[in-house]
Protein backbone atom coordinates (compact mmCIF):
# COMPACT_ATOMS: atom_id res chain seq x y z
CA MET A 1 -23.94 -17.78 -16.17
CA PHE A 2 -21.86 -14.56 -17.10
CA THR A 3 -21.45 -11.79 -14.88
CA LEU A 4 -19.29 -8.81 -14.94
CA THR A 5 -19.36 -8.47 -10.93
CA THR A 6 -16.12 -9.50 -9.65
CA PRO A 7 -16.21 -11.01 -6.00
CA ARG A 8 -14.53 -8.05 -4.57
CA GLU A 9 -17.03 -5.74 -5.87
CA MET A 10 -19.67 -7.84 -4.84
CA ARG A 11 -18.20 -7.69 -1.25
CA LEU A 12 -17.88 -4.05 -1.51
CA THR A 13 -21.64 -3.89 -2.42
CA LEU A 14 -22.92 -5.99 0.36
CA ALA A 15 -20.93 -4.29 2.87
CA SER A 16 -22.24 -1.05 1.59
CA ARG A 17 -25.80 -2.25 1.64
CA LEU A 18 -25.38 -3.20 5.69
CA ARG A 19 -23.75 -0.15 6.30
CA ALA A 20 -26.78 1.63 4.78
CA LEU A 21 -28.95 -0.69 6.65
CA ARG A 22 -27.08 0.01 9.91
CA LEU A 23 -27.45 3.85 9.15
CA ALA A 24 -31.03 3.77 8.35
CA GLU A 25 -31.92 2.02 11.83
CA ASN A 26 -29.75 4.97 13.42
CA LEU A 27 -27.24 2.63 14.74
CA SER A 28 -23.58 3.11 15.46
CA GLN A 29 -20.75 0.71 14.74
CA ALA A 30 -20.24 0.13 18.24
CA THR A 31 -23.88 -0.59 19.11
CA LEU A 32 -24.31 -2.86 16.15
CA ALA A 33 -21.22 -4.57 17.14
CA GLU A 34 -21.89 -5.04 20.67
CA ARG A 35 -25.41 -6.27 19.78
CA ALA A 36 -24.34 -8.91 16.67
CA GLY A 37 -21.46 -9.92 19.40
CA VAL A 38 -18.68 -9.17 16.92
CA SER A 39 -15.71 -7.20 17.68
CA LEU A 40 -15.83 -3.32 16.30
CA GLY A 41 -12.74 -3.59 14.30
CA SER A 42 -14.03 -6.36 12.43
CA LEU A 43 -17.15 -4.72 11.80
CA LYS A 44 -14.93 -1.55 10.69
CA ARG A 45 -12.96 -3.85 8.46
CA PHE A 46 -16.10 -5.26 7.00
CA GLU A 47 -17.83 -1.82 6.09
CA ARG A 48 -14.85 -0.49 4.87
CA GLN A 49 -13.41 -3.44 2.72
CA GLY A 50 -15.94 -6.09 2.52
CA LEU A 51 -13.76 -8.31 4.46
CA ALA A 52 -15.33 -10.84 7.10
CA SER A 53 -16.12 -14.00 8.29
CA LEU A 54 -19.28 -15.79 7.26
CA GLU A 55 -19.99 -15.76 11.20
CA LEU A 56 -19.54 -12.34 11.39
CA PHE A 57 -21.57 -11.41 8.26
CA MET A 58 -24.57 -13.83 9.53
CA ALA A 59 -24.11 -12.16 13.09
CA VAL A 60 -24.77 -8.46 11.43
CA VAL A 61 -27.39 -9.64 8.70
CA ALA A 62 -29.38 -11.18 11.75
CA CYS A 63 -28.92 -8.44 13.87
CA LEU A 64 -30.44 -6.07 11.26
CA GLY A 65 -33.54 -8.55 10.89
CA ARG A 66 -32.65 -9.59 7.31
CA LEU A 67 -31.59 -13.13 7.86
CA GLU A 68 -34.49 -14.58 6.25
CA GLU A 69 -33.47 -13.05 2.67
CA LEU A 70 -30.57 -15.51 3.24
CA GLU A 71 -32.63 -18.54 3.22
CA GLY A 72 -33.24 -19.02 -0.60
CA LEU A 73 -29.21 -18.80 -1.65
CA PHE A 74 -27.99 -21.70 -3.12
CA LYS A 75 -31.20 -23.82 -3.09
CA PRO A 76 -31.14 -26.42 -5.94
CA ALA A 77 -33.18 -25.47 -9.04
CA GLU A 78 -36.76 -26.62 -9.04
CA PRO A 79 -37.13 -29.25 -11.75
CA LEU A 80 -39.32 -27.65 -14.74
CA THR A 81 -40.68 -30.80 -16.14
CA ILE A 82 -41.78 -34.33 -15.08
CA ALA A 83 -38.78 -35.51 -17.46
CA GLU A 84 -36.49 -33.45 -15.28
CA ILE A 85 -37.99 -34.78 -12.00
CA ASP A 86 -37.52 -38.36 -13.10
CA LEU A 87 -33.83 -37.68 -14.36
CA ARG A 88 -33.03 -36.25 -11.16
CA GLU A 89 -34.63 -38.74 -8.83
CA ALA A 90 -32.66 -41.43 -11.30
CA GLN A 91 -29.42 -40.13 -10.49
CA PRO A 92 -27.39 -41.20 -7.52
CA ARG A 93 -26.73 -38.66 -4.83
CA ARG A 94 -23.11 -37.56 -4.45
CA ARG A 95 -21.61 -37.87 -0.88
CA ARG A 96 -18.63 -36.18 -1.45
CA GLY A 97 -16.42 -34.32 -4.63
CA GLN A 98 -14.12 -36.02 -7.01
CA ARG A 99 -10.50 -36.32 -6.03
């Protein structure tokens, strides 16, 4: 897959979207930080720079009532044909990465 979006751009986009959700809910940064159980400084850094731990990101998303939107991320693609199903079932499952 080819994309022109960089990881930095995606971080900033997600931070901007969550900031917009916070504002739409009429929440201050301090109130959201308190409700999400994260520090105000960390939330400010996230909204400004898109930098956050996964734990902070998930806490904010959950607090804004959007956690279910993340459930579909990184799911294996559904097979389209019977042959693809057979091929998938025939392949052994990897338990760890290659060295």
